[in-house]
Every structure is written in C-alpha cells, then in structure tokens.
PDB file of N, CA and C in Angstrom:
ATOM      1  N   MET A   1       2.351  28.925   3.442  1.00  0.00           N
ATOM      2  CA  MET A   1       2.765  28.064   2.367  1.00  0.00           C
ATOM      3  C   MET A   1       2.157  26.671   2.501  1.00  0.00           C
ATOM      4  N   MET A   2       2.079  26.178   3.735  1.00  0.00           N
ATOM      5  CA  MET A   2       1.533  24.844   3.966  1.00  0.00           C
ATOM      6  C   MET A   2       0.061  24.785   3.566  1.00  0.00           C
ATOM      7  N   GLU A   3      -0.638  25.906   3.751  1.00  0.00           N
ATOM      8  CA  GLU A   3      -2.059  25.930   3.393  1.00  0.00           C
ATOM      9  C   GLU A   3      -2.259  25.767   1.884  1.00  0.00           C
ATOM     10  N   LYS A   4      -1.328  26.276   1.085  1.00  0.00           N
ATOM     11  CA  LYS A   4      -1.431  26.153  -0.367  1.00  0.00           C
ATOM     12  C   LYS A   4      -0.992  24.768  -0.846  1.00  0.00           C
ATOM     13  N   ALA A   5      -0.045  24.170  -0.151  1.00  0.00           N
ATOM     14  CA  ALA A   5       0.470  22.857  -0.557  1.00  0.00           C
ATOM     15  C   ALA A   5      -0.444  21.718  -0.109  1.00  0.00           C
ATOM     16  N   PHE A   6      -1.241  21.953   0.923  1.00  0.00           N
ATOM     17  CA  PHE A   6      -2.073  20.879   1.472  1.00  0.00           C
ATOM     18  C   PHE A   6      -3.059  20.300   0.455  1.00  0.00           C
ATOM     19  N   PRO A   7      -3.799  21.110  -0.323  1.00  0.00           N
ATOM     20  CA  PRO A   7      -4.707  20.509  -1.310  1.00  0.00           C
ATOM     21  C   PRO A   7      -3.987  19.648  -2.338  1.00  0.00           C
ATOM     22  N   MET A   8      -2.794  20.070  -2.769  1.00  0.00           N
ATOM     23  CA  MET A   8      -2.028  19.255  -3.715  1.00  0.00           C
ATOM     24  C   MET A   8      -1.595  17.937  -3.082  1.00  0.00           C
ATOM     25  N   LEU A   9      -1.188  17.986  -1.820  1.00  0.00           N
ATOM     26  CA  LEU A   9      -0.816  16.761  -1.118  1.00  0.00           C
ATOM     27  C   LEU A   9      -2.006  15.824  -0.990  1.00  0.00           C
ATOM     28  N   LEU A  10      -3.169  16.383  -0.717  1.00  0.00           N
ATOM     29  CA  LEU A  10      -4.373  15.574  -0.580  1.00  0.00           C
ATOM     30  C   LEU A  10      -4.739  14.905  -1.902  1.00  0.00           C
ATOM     31  N   VAL A  11      -4.651  15.642  -2.990  1.00  0.00           N
ATOM     32  CA  VAL A  11      -4.928  15.064  -4.311  1.00  0.00           C
ATOM     33  C   VAL A  11      -3.898  13.985  -4.632  1.00  0.00           C
ATOM     34  N   LEU A  12      -2.627  14.262  -4.365  1.00  0.00           N
ATOM     35  CA  LEU A  12      -1.574  13.272  -4.586  1.00  0.00           C
ATOM     36  C   LEU A  12      -1.825  12.018  -3.755  1.00  0.00           C
ATOM     37  N   TYR A  13      -2.256  12.194  -2.511  1.00  0.00           N
ATOM     38  CA  TYR A  13      -2.552  11.060  -1.645  1.00  0.00           C
ATOM     39  C   TYR A  13      -3.658  10.187  -2.236  1.00  0.00           C
ATOM     40  N   PHE A  14      -4.744  10.792  -2.690  1.00  0.00           N
ATOM     41  CA  PHE A  14      -5.848  10.007  -3.229  1.00  0.00           C
ATOM     42  C   PHE A  14      -5.492   9.331  -4.560  1.00  0.00           C
ATOM     43  N   VAL A  15      -4.726  10.009  -5.396  1.00  0.00           N
ATOM     44  CA  VAL A  15      -4.280   9.387  -6.654  1.00  0.00           C
ATOM     45  C   VAL A  15      -3.380   8.196  -6.350  1.00  0.00           C
ATOM     46  N   MET A  16      -2.459   8.372  -5.409  1.00  0.00           N
ATOM     47  CA  MET A  16      -1.585   7.256  -5.019  1.00  0.00           C
ATOM     48  C   MET A  16      -2.400   6.118  -4.412  1.00  0.00           C
ATOM     49  N   TRP A  17      -3.415   6.449  -3.625  1.00  0.00           N
ATOM     50  CA  TRP A  17      -4.255   5.409  -3.021  1.00  0.00           C
ATOM     51  C   TRP A  17      -4.938   4.584  -4.102  1.00  0.00           C
ATOM     52  N   ILE A  18      -5.412   5.229  -5.141  1.00  0.00           N
ATOM     53  CA  ILE A  18      -6.059   4.498  -6.242  1.00  0.00           C
ATOM     54  C   ILE A  18      -5.060   3.555  -6.908  1.00  0.00           C
ATOM     55  N   PHE A  19      -3.835   4.038  -7.152  1.00  0.00           N
ATOM     56  CA  PHE A  19      -2.811   3.178  -7.750  1.00  0.00           C
ATOM     57  C   PHE A  19      -2.474   2.000  -6.840  1.00  0.00           C
ATOM     58  N   VAL A  20      -2.298   2.255  -5.549  1.00  0.00           N
ATOM     59  CA  VAL A  20      -1.979   1.178  -4.608  1.00  0.00           C
ATOM     60  C   VAL A  20      -3.125   0.172  -4.551  1.00  0.00           C
ATOM     61  N   PHE A  21      -4.354   0.653  -4.551  1.00  0.00           N
ATOM     62  CA  PHE A  21      -5.513  -0.235  -4.514  1.00  0.00           C
ATOM     63  C   PHE A  21      -5.558  -1.123  -5.755  1.00  0.00           C
ATOM     64  N   CYS A  22      -5.356  -0.535  -6.934  1.00  0.00           N
ATOM     65  CA  CYS A  22      -5.385  -1.320  -8.185  1.00  0.00           C
ATOM     66  C   CYS A  22      -4.227  -2.306  -8.243  1.00  0.00           C
ATOM     67  N   PHE A  23      -3.021  -1.861  -7.864  1.00  0.00           N
ATOM     68  CA  PHE A  23      -1.884  -2.772  -7.837  1.00  0.00           C
ATOM     69  C   PHE A  23      -2.142  -3.914  -6.862  1.00  0.00           C
ATOM     70  N   GLY A  24      -2.752  -3.602  -5.719  1.00  0.00           N
ATOM     71  CA  GLY A  24      -3.058  -4.636  -4.731  1.00  0.00           C
ATOM     72  C   GLY A  24      -4.024  -5.676  -5.272  1.00  0.00           C
ATOM     73  N   LEU A  25      -5.030  -5.228  -5.983  1.00  0.00           N
ATOM     74  CA  LEU A  25      -5.982  -6.181  -6.574  1.00  0.00           C
ATOM     75  C   LEU A  25      -5.303  -7.080  -7.604  1.00  0.00           C
ATOM     76  N   ILE A  26      -4.479  -6.476  -8.449  1.00  0.00           N
ATOM     77  CA  ILE A  26      -3.761  -7.259  -9.461  1.00  0.00           C
ATOM     78  C   ILE A  26      -2.789  -8.226  -8.786  1.00  0.00           C
ATOM     79  N   TYR A  27      -2.101  -7.753  -7.750  1.00  0.00           N
ATOM     80  CA  TYR A  27      -1.157  -8.595  -7.013  1.00  0.00           C
ATOM     81  C   TYR A  27      -1.863  -9.800  -6.401  1.00  0.00           C
ATOM     82  N   LYS A  28      -2.974  -9.573  -5.738  1.00  0.00           N
ATOM     83  CA  LYS A  28      -3.711 -10.684  -5.110  1.00  0.00           C
ATOM     84  C   LYS A  28      -4.194 -11.681  -6.157  1.00  0.00           C
ATOM     85  N   ARG A  29      -4.681 -11.178  -7.258  1.00  0.00           N
ATOM     86  CA  ARG A  29      -5.186 -12.068  -8.308  1.00  0.00           C
ATOM     87  C   ARG A  29      -4.059 -12.915  -8.908  1.00  0.00           C
ATOM     88  N   ARG A  30      -2.926 -12.266  -9.206  1.00  0.00           N
ATOM     89  CA  ARG A  30      -1.794 -13.012  -9.759  1.00  0.00           C
ATOM     90  C   ARG A  30      -1.243 -14.026  -8.758  1.00  0.00           C
ATOM     91  N   LEU A  31      -1.171 -13.620  -7.501  1.00  0.00           N
ATOM     92  CA  LEU A  31      -0.663 -14.522  -6.468  1.00  0.00           C
ATOM     93  C   LEU A  31      -1.547 -15.758  -6.340  1.00  0.00           C
ATOM     94  N   ARG A  32      -2.854 -15.546  -6.315  1.00  0.00           N
ATOM     95  CA  ARG A  32      -3.777 -16.683  -6.219  1.00  0.00           C
ATOM     96  C   ARG A  32      -3.728 -17.562  -7.465  1.00  0.00           C
ATOM     97  N   MET A  33      -3.500 -16.959  -8.621  1.00  0.00           N
ATOM     98  CA  MET A  33      -3.468 -17.716  -9.867  1.00  0.00           C
ATOM     99  C   MET A  33      -2.156 -18.516  -9.993  1.00  0.00           C
ATOM    100  N   LEU A  34      -1.027 -17.877  -9.670  1.00  0.00           N
ATOM    101  CA  LEU A  34       0.273 -18.525  -9.851  1.00  0.00           C
ATOM    102  C   LEU A  34       0.665 -19.432  -8.685  1.00  0.00           C
ATOM    103  N   TYR A  35       0.314 -19.032  -7.478  1.00  0.00           N
ATOM    104  CA  TYR A  35       0.690 -19.773  -6.266  1.00  0.00           C
ATOM    105  C   TYR A  35      -0.535 -19.912  -5.359  1.00  0.00           C
ATOM    106  N   PRO A  36      -1.438 -20.845  -5.659  1.00  0.00           N
ATOM    107  CA  PRO A  36      -2.702 -20.951  -4.916  1.00  0.00           C
ATOM    108  C   PRO A  36      -2.526 -21.214  -3.415  1.00  0.00           C
ATOM    109  N   ASP A  37      -1.543 -22.038  -3.043  1.00  0.00           N
ATOM    110  CA  ASP A  37      -1.347 -22.326  -1.618  1.00  0.00           C
ATOM    111  C   ASP A  37      -0.871 -21.094  -0.854  1.00  0.00           C
ATOM    112  N   LEU A  38       0.069 -20.385  -1.439  1.00  0.00           N
ATOM    113  CA  LEU A  38       0.579 -19.161  -0.815  1.00  0.00           C
ATOM    114  C   LEU A  38      -0.506 -18.089  -0.775  1.00  0.00           C
ATOM    115  N   GLY A  39      -1.260 -17.971  -1.857  1.00  0.00           N
ATOM    116  CA  GLY A  39      -2.362 -17.005  -1.892  1.00  0.00           C
ATOM    117  C   GLY A  39      -3.419 -17.301  -0.846  1.00  0.00           C
ATOM    118  N   ALA A  40      -3.721 -18.576  -0.636  1.00  0.00           N
ATOM    119  CA  ALA A  40      -4.721 -18.951   0.371  1.00  0.00           C
ATOM    120  C   ALA A  40      -4.220 -18.680   1.791  1.00  0.00           C
ATOM    121  N   SER A  41      -2.917 -18.811   2.011  1.00  0.00           N
ATOM    122  CA  SER A  41      -2.400 -18.552   3.353  1.00  0.00           C
ATOM    123  C   SER A  41      -2.309 -17.049   3.649  1.00  0.00           C
ATOM    124  N   LEU A  42      -1.999 -16.256   2.625  1.00  0.00           N
ATOM    125  CA  LEU A  42      -1.902 -14.807   2.838  1.00  0.00           C
ATOM    126  C   LEU A  42      -3.253 -14.108   2.792  1.00  0.00           C
ATOM    127  N   TYR A  43      -4.148 -14.606   1.947  1.00  0.00           N
ATOM    128  CA  TYR A  43      -5.471 -14.000   1.782  1.00  0.00           C
ATOM    129  C   TYR A  43      -6.533 -15.085   1.907  1.00  0.00           C
ATOM    130  N   PRO A  44      -6.924 -15.423   3.141  1.00  0.00           N
ATOM    131  CA  PRO A  44      -7.818 -16.561   3.341  1.00  0.00           C
ATOM    132  C   PRO A  44      -9.261 -16.331   2.905  1.00  0.00           C
ATOM    133  N   GLY A  45      -9.661 -15.127   2.658  1.00  0.00           N
ATOM    134  CA  GLY A  45     -11.034 -14.839   2.255  1.00  0.00           C
ATOM    135  C   GLY A  45     -11.702 -13.885   3.239  1.00  0.00           C
ATOM    136  N   LEU A  46     -12.880 -13.437   2.899  1.00  0.00           N
ATOM    137  CA  LEU A  46     -13.562 -12.428   3.722  1.00  0.00           C
ATOM    138  C   LEU A  46     -13.971 -12.935   5.095  1.00  0.00           C
ATOM    139  N   LEU A  47     -14.438 -14.160   5.177  1.00  0.00           N
ATOM    140  CA  LEU A  47     -14.950 -14.653   6.457  1.00  0.00           C
ATOM    141  C   LEU A  47     -13.841 -14.986   7.440  1.00  0.00           C
ATOM    142  N   ARG A  48     -12.669 -15.345   6.952  1.00  0.00           N
ATOM    143  CA  ARG A  48     -11.555 -15.694   7.832  1.00  0.00           C
ATOM    144  C   ARG A  48     -10.503 -14.591   7.886  1.00  0.00           C
ATOM    145  N   LYS A  49     -10.831 -13.422   7.432  1.00  0.00           N
ATOM    146  CA  LYS A  49      -9.893 -12.306   7.390  1.00  0.00           C
ATOM    147  C   LYS A  49      -9.739 -11.702   8.779  1.00  0.00           C
ATOM    148  N   SER A  50      -8.522 -11.307   9.119  1.00  0.00           N
ATOM    149  CA  SER A  50      -8.269 -10.662  10.405  1.00  0.00           C
ATOM    150  C   SER A  50      -7.145  -9.651  10.228  1.00  0.00           C
ATOM    151  N   VAL A  51      -6.873  -8.901  11.274  1.00  0.00           N
ATOM    152  CA  VAL A  51      -5.787  -7.931  11.241  1.00  0.00           C
ATOM    153  C   VAL A  51      -4.449  -8.663  11.084  1.00  0.00           C
ATOM    154  N   ALA A  52      -4.341  -9.827  11.709  1.00  0.00           N
ATOM    155  CA  ALA A  52      -3.096 -10.598  11.618  1.00  0.00           C
ATOM    156  C   ALA A  52      -2.802 -11.021  10.174  1.00  0.00           C
ATOM    157  N   THR A  53      -3.814 -11.445   9.433  1.00  0.00           N
ATOM    158  CA  THR A  53      -3.579 -11.843   8.043  1.00  0.00           C
ATOM    159  C   THR A  53      -3.273 -10.626   7.174  1.00  0.00           C
ATOM    160  N   ASP A  54      -3.876  -9.482   7.489  1.00  0.00           N
ATOM    161  CA  ASP A  54      -3.554  -8.261   6.749  1.00  0.00           C
ATOM    162  C   ASP A  54      -2.084  -7.879   6.949  1.00  0.00           C
ATOM    163  N   PHE A  55      -1.621  -7.915   8.192  1.00  0.00           N
ATOM    164  CA  PHE A  55      -0.221  -7.595   8.467  1.00  0.00           C
ATOM    165  C   PHE A  55       0.713  -8.634   7.852  1.00  0.00           C
ATOM    166  N   LYS A  56       0.292  -9.888   7.842  1.00  0.00           N
ATOM    167  CA  LYS A  56       1.110 -10.947   7.253  1.00  0.00           C
ATOM    168  C   LYS A  56       1.307 -10.712   5.757  1.00  0.00           C
ATOM    169  N   SER A  57       0.246 -10.294   5.074  1.00  0.00           N
ATOM    170  CA  SER A  57       0.347 -10.064   3.636  1.00  0.00           C
ATOM    171  C   SER A  57       1.181  -8.822   3.320  1.00  0.00           C
ATOM    172  N   VAL A  58       1.040  -7.766   4.101  1.00  0.00           N
ATOM    173  CA  VAL A  58       1.851  -6.557   3.889  1.00  0.00           C
ATOM    174  C   VAL A  58       3.313  -6.849   4.210  1.00  0.00           C
ATOM    175  N   ARG A  59       3.537  -7.597   5.275  1.00  0.00           N
ATOM    176  CA  ARG A  59       4.896  -7.972   5.655  1.00  0.00           C
ATOM    177  C   ARG A  59       5.561  -8.811   4.554  1.00  0.00           C
ATOM    178  N   PHE A  60       4.791  -9.683   3.904  1.00  0.00           N
ATOM    179  CA  PHE A  60       5.302 -10.511   2.812  1.00  0.00           C
ATOM    180  C   PHE A  60       5.845  -9.643   1.680  1.00  0.00           C
ATOM    181  N   VAL A  61       5.141  -8.570   1.376  1.00  0.00           N
ATOM    182  CA  VAL A  61       5.572  -7.680   0.291  1.00  0.00           C
ATOM    183  C   VAL A  61       6.712  -6.779   0.744  1.00  0.00           C
ATOM    184  N   LEU A  62       6.574  -6.137   1.900  1.00  0.00           N
ATOM    185  CA  LEU A  62       7.572  -5.161   2.333  1.00  0.00           C
ATOM    186  C   LEU A  62       8.917  -5.798   2.671  1.00  0.00           C
ATOM    187  N   ARG A  63       8.916  -7.009   3.174  1.00  0.00           N
ATOM    188  CA  ARG A  63      10.177  -7.690   3.485  1.00  0.00           C
ATOM    189  C   ARG A  63      10.809  -8.335   2.262  1.00  0.00           C
ATOM    190  N   GLY A  64      10.076  -8.381   1.178  1.00  0.00           N
ATOM    191  CA  GLY A  64      10.615  -8.956  -0.049  1.00  0.00           C
ATOM    192  C   GLY A  64      10.664 -10.475  -0.038  1.00  0.00           C
ATOM    193  N   GLU A  65       9.769 -11.106   0.712  1.00  0.00           N
ATOM    194  CA  GLU A  65       9.749 -12.568   0.803  1.00  0.00           C
ATOM    195  C   GLU A  65       9.347 -13.222  -0.520  1.00  0.00           C
ATOM    196  N   TYR A  66       8.818 -12.446  -1.428  1.00  0.00           N
ATOM    197  CA  TYR A  66       8.425 -12.954  -2.743  1.00  0.00           C
ATOM    198  C   TYR A  66       9.640 -13.212  -3.641  1.00  0.00           C
ATOM    199  N   GLN A  67      10.816 -12.737  -3.240  1.00  0.00           N
ATOM    200  CA  GLN A  67      12.023 -12.878  -4.064  1.00  0.00           C
ATOM    201  C   GLN A  67      12.382 -14.337  -4.330  1.00  0.00           C
ATOM    202  N   SER A  68      11.952 -15.235  -3.453  1.00  0.00           N
ATOM    203  CA  SER A  68      12.296 -16.648  -3.621  1.00  0.00           C
ATOM    204  C   SER A  68      11.372 -17.375  -4.596  1.00  0.00           C
ATOM    205  N   LEU A  69      10.353 -16.706  -5.110  1.00  0.00           N
ATOM    206  CA  LEU A  69       9.429 -17.344  -6.047  1.00  0.00           C
ATOM    207  C   LEU A  69      10.096 -17.486  -7.417  1.00  0.00           C
ATOM    208  N   ASP A  70       9.614 -18.445  -8.201  1.00  0.00           N
ATOM    209  CA  ASP A  70      10.302 -18.811  -9.443  1.00  0.00           C
ATOM    210  C   ASP A  70       9.828 -18.064 -10.689  1.00  0.00           C
ATOM    211  N   ASN A  71       8.894 -17.164 -10.574  1.00  0.00           N
ATOM    212  CA  ASN A  71       8.371 -16.449 -11.730  1.00  0.00           C
ATOM    213  C   ASN A  71       8.987 -15.037 -11.771  1.00  0.00           C
ATOM    214  N   PRO A  72       9.921 -14.759 -12.705  1.00  0.00           N
ATOM    215  CA  PRO A  72      10.586 -13.445 -12.722  1.00  0.00           C
ATOM    216  C   PRO A  72       9.642 -12.286 -13.030  1.00  0.00           C
ATOM    217  N   ASN A  73       8.604 -12.522 -13.823  1.00  0.00           N
ATOM    218  CA  ASN A  73       7.638 -11.451 -14.110  1.00  0.00           C
ATOM    219  C   ASN A  73       6.867 -11.070 -12.857  1.00  0.00           C
ATOM    220  N   PHE A  74       6.483 -12.062 -12.071  1.00  0.00           N
ATOM    221  CA  PHE A  74       5.755 -11.785 -10.831  1.00  0.00           C
ATOM    222  C   PHE A  74       6.658 -11.090  -9.814  1.00  0.00           C
ATOM    223  N   VAL A  75       7.912 -11.490  -9.751  1.00  0.00           N
ATOM    224  CA  VAL A  75       8.861 -10.850  -8.834  1.00  0.00           C
ATOM    225  C   VAL A  75       9.071  -9.387  -9.229  1.00  0.00           C
ATOM    226  N   THR A  76       9.179  -9.118 -10.516  1.00  0.00           N
ATOM    227  CA  THR A  76       9.318  -7.741 -10.990  1.00  0.00           C
ATOM    228  C   THR A  76       8.078  -6.917 -10.633  1.00  0.00           C
ATOM    229  N   PHE A  77       6.903  -7.499 -10.839  1.00  0.00           N
ATOM    230  CA  PHE A  77       5.665  -6.809 -10.475  1.00  0.00           C
ATOM    231  C   PHE A  77       5.632  -6.523  -8.975  1.00  0.00           C
ATOM    232  N   CYS A  78       6.059  -7.495  -8.164  1.00  0.00           N
ATOM    233  CA  CYS A  78       6.080  -7.307  -6.709  1.00  0.00           C
ATOM    234  C   CYS A  78       7.082  -6.230  -6.298  1.00  0.00           C
ATOM    235  N   ASN A  79       8.205  -6.150  -7.007  1.00  0.00           N
ATOM    236  CA  ASN A  79       9.163  -5.075  -6.723  1.00  0.00           C
ATOM    237  C   ASN A  79       8.535  -3.707  -6.967  1.00  0.00           C
ATOM    238  N   ARG A  80       7.804  -3.589  -8.056  1.00  0.00           N
ATOM    239  CA  ARG A  80       7.120  -2.318  -8.348  1.00  0.00           C
ATOM    240  C   ARG A  80       6.031  -2.026  -7.324  1.00  0.00           C
ATOM    241  N   TYR A  81       5.307  -3.054  -6.937  1.00  0.00           N
ATOM    242  CA  TYR A  81       4.247  -2.890  -5.922  1.00  0.00           C
ATOM    243  C   TYR A  81       4.866  -2.467  -4.589  1.00  0.00           C
ATOM    244  N   ARG A  82       5.988  -3.059  -4.250  1.00  0.00           N
ATOM    245  CA  ARG A  82       6.679  -2.712  -3.005  1.00  0.00           C
ATOM    246  C   ARG A  82       7.130  -1.255  -3.019  1.00  0.00           C
ATOM    247  N   ALA A  83       7.694  -0.804  -4.145  1.00  0.00           N
ATOM    248  CA  ALA A  83       8.128   0.592  -4.267  1.00  0.00           C
ATOM    249  C   ALA A  83       6.934   1.538  -4.175  1.00  0.00           C
ATOM    250  N   LEU A  84       5.847   1.185  -4.840  1.00  0.00           N
ATOM    251  CA  LEU A  84       4.643   2.012  -4.795  1.00  0.00           C
ATOM    252  C   LEU A  84       4.064   2.060  -3.387  1.00  0.00           C
ATOM    253  N   LEU A  85       4.059   0.931  -2.707  1.00  0.00           N
ATOM    254  CA  LEU A  85       3.536   0.876  -1.338  1.00  0.00           C
ATOM    255  C   LEU A  85       4.393   1.715  -0.397  1.00  0.00           C
ATOM    256  N   GLY A  86       5.713   1.629  -0.541  1.00  0.00           N
ATOM    257  CA  GLY A  86       6.600   2.446   0.281  1.00  0.00           C
ATOM    258  C   GLY A  86       6.413   3.933   0.027  1.00  0.00           C
ATOM    259  N   THR A  87       6.277   4.300  -1.233  1.00  0.00           N
ATOM    260  CA  THR A  87       6.036   5.702  -1.586  1.00  0.00           C
ATOM    261  C   THR A  87       4.713   6.177  -1.024  1.00  0.00           C
ATOM    262  N   TRP A  88       3.705   5.316  -1.080  1.00  0.00           N
ATOM    263  CA  TRP A  88       2.394   5.689  -0.556  1.00  0.00           C
ATOM    264  C   TRP A  88       2.457   5.906   0.953  1.00  0.00           C
ATOM    265  N   PHE A  89       3.208   5.075   1.674  1.00  0.00           N
ATOM    266  CA  PHE A  89       3.355   5.273   3.119  1.00  0.00           C
ATOM    267  C   PHE A  89       4.011   6.617   3.414  1.00  0.00           C
ATOM    268  N   ILE A  90       5.010   6.995   2.621  1.00  0.00           N
ATOM    269  CA  ILE A  90       5.675   8.281   2.820  1.00  0.00           C
ATOM    270  C   ILE A  90       4.724   9.429   2.528  1.00  0.00           C
ATOM    271  N   VAL A  91       3.988   9.352   1.413  1.00  0.00           N
ATOM    272  CA  VAL A  91       3.018  10.400   1.064  1.00  0.00           C
ATOM    273  C   VAL A  91       1.927  10.486   2.134  1.00  0.00           C
ATOM    274  N   PHE A  92       1.495   9.344   2.644  1.00  0.00           N
ATOM    275  CA  PHE A  92       0.493   9.344   3.712  1.00  0.00           C
ATOM    276  C   PHE A  92       1.028  10.058   4.946  1.00  0.00           C
ATOM    277  N   GLY A  93       2.274   9.765   5.319  1.00  0.00           N
ATOM    278  CA  GLY A  93       2.862  10.413   6.487  1.00  0.00           C
ATOM    279  C   GLY A  93       2.989  11.915   6.318  1.00  0.00           C
ATOM    280  N   VAL A  94       3.453  12.341   5.159  1.00  0.00           N
ATOM    281  CA  VAL A  94       3.596  13.785   4.894  1.00  0.00           C
ATOM    282  C   VAL A  94       2.225  14.460   4.882  1.00  0.00           C
ATOM    283  N   THR A  95       1.240  13.822   4.267  1.00  0.00           N
ATOM    284  CA  THR A  95      -0.112  14.391   4.231  1.00  0.00           C
ATOM    285  C   THR A  95      -0.706  14.474   5.625  1.00  0.00           C
ATOM    286  N   PHE A  96      -0.478  13.459   6.429  1.00  0.00           N
ATOM    287  CA  PHE A  96      -1.006  13.456   7.795  1.00  0.00           C
ATOM    288  C   PHE A  96      -0.390  14.577   8.625  1.00  0.00           C
ATOM    289  N   VAL A  97       0.930  14.738   8.524  1.00  0.00           N
ATOM    290  CA  VAL A  97       1.605  15.816   9.253  1.00  0.00           C
ATOM    291  C   VAL A  97       1.132  17.178   8.742  1.00  0.00           C
ATOM    292  N   ALA A  98       0.982  17.314   7.420  1.00  0.00           N
ATOM    293  CA  ALA A  98       0.503  18.582   6.856  1.00  0.00           C
ATOM    294  C   ALA A  98      -0.905  18.893   7.337  1.00  0.00           C
ATOM    295  N   MET A  99      -1.742  17.873   7.430  1.00  0.00           N
ATOM    296  CA  MET A  99      -3.107  18.081   7.910  1.00  0.00           C
ATOM    297  C   MET A  99      -3.098  18.584   9.353  1.00  0.00           C
ATOM    298  N   ILE A 100      -2.257  18.009  10.188  1.00  0.00           N
ATOM    299  CA  ILE A 100      -2.169  18.443  11.582  1.00  0.00           C
ATOM    300  C   ILE A 100      -1.667  19.879  11.656  1.00  0.00           C
ATOM    301  N   VAL A 101      -0.670  20.225  10.853  1.00  0.00           N
ATOM    302  CA  VAL A 101      -0.133  21.590  10.868  1.00  0.00           C
ATOM    303  C   VAL A 101      -1.176  22.594  10.398  1.00  0.00           C
ATOM    304  N   VAL A 102      -1.893  22.275   9.332  1.00  0.00           N
ATOM    305  CA  VAL A 102      -2.917  23.197   8.801  1.00  0.00           C
ATOM    306  C   VAL A 102      -4.022  23.392   9.827  1.00  0.00           C
ATOM    307  N   PHE A 103      -4.477  22.322  10.448  1.00  0.00           N
ATOM    308  CA  PHE A 103      -5.525  22.459  11.450  1.00  0.00           C
ATOM    309  C   PHE A 103      -5.033  23.220  12.685  1.00  0.00           C
ATOM    310  N   ALA A 104      -3.774  23.026  13.055  1.00  0.00           N
ATOM    311  CA  ALA A 104      -3.207  23.752  14.201  1.00  0.00           C
ATOM    312  C   ALA A 104      -3.119  25.244  13.883  1.00  0.00           C
ATOM    313  N   ILE A 105      -2.736  25.595  12.663  1.00  0.00           N
ATOM    314  CA  ILE A 105      -2.643  26.998  12.264  1.00  0.00           C
ATOM    315  C   ILE A 105      -4.019  27.656  12.282  1.00  0.00           C
ATOM    316  N   HIS A 106      -5.029  26.936  11.807  1.00  0.00           N
ATOM    317  CA  HIS A 106      -6.380  27.510  11.767  1.00  0.00           C
ATOM    318  C   HIS A 106      -7.005  27.627  13.148  1.00  0.00           C
ATOM    319  N   THR A 107      -6.663  26.761  14.079  1.00  0.00           N
ATOM    320  CA  THR A 107      -7.246  26.875  15.412  1.00  0.00           C
ATOM    321  C   THR A 107      -6.579  27.969  16.228  1.00  0.00           C
ATOM    322  N   VAL A 108      -5.323  28.320  15.908  1.00  0.00           N
ATOM    323  CA  VAL A 108      -4.619  29.371  16.633  1.00  0.00           C
ATOM    324  C   VAL A 108      -5.112  30.740  16.207  1.00  0.00           C
ATOM    325  N   LYS A 109      -5.482  30.897  14.924  1.00  0.00           N
ATOM    326  CA  LYS A 109      -5.919  32.206  14.405  1.00  0.00           C
ATOM    327  C   LYS A 109      -7.164  32.688  15.028  1.00  0.00           C
TER     328      LYS A 109
END
C-alpha cells in the first residue's frame, strides 16, 4: 500500500513546496514594503545571509511574533503563511518517512 501512496505523497510535497515558496516570496516582499527595518533585520540580503538569519526569519513566523504588528491584513496573511508552513513541515515528514519505508521494502526483496 505504501508503494502506491508514495507517488501521491511526492506530488503533494512538490505542490505544497511551490505554494510555500510563492507565499514566502510574497511575505518577504510585503514585510520589506510595510516594515523596512524589520525586513532588513530578518532578511539582510544575499551577501549577508546565513543559517542564523534563516532560522531567525522562520522562528519569527512560527512563533507568531508578527502578531504585534499594526497591519491586520499583513497579520492575516502571516497567519495563513504560518498554517501553510506548518502543514508543509508535516507533509515533508510523512513523505520522508514514506520514502525510507519504500526504499527499505525494495532493498529487502
């Protein structure tokens, strides 16, 4: 059964990745436009980018630190982005486990 479900999980994973990527681009653009100082601290640019700044920006969304901002439309968008990001992490985990199970089944045969 896992062998039949794995391709669907993989397609779902890539579709979700595209949505998360597009939402992320829109989020970064809106953040930089509405709150330039906060956007510069979370996303300093390509040359000053590091793993620490990546984790800082993800932590900002997942912890809901955007709730204190004064723009209700942006907060609503961030809530949706947070839900999508959480769902994507779950789909990624399930797909990863399914991939390990499928490969384990094929190596045993």
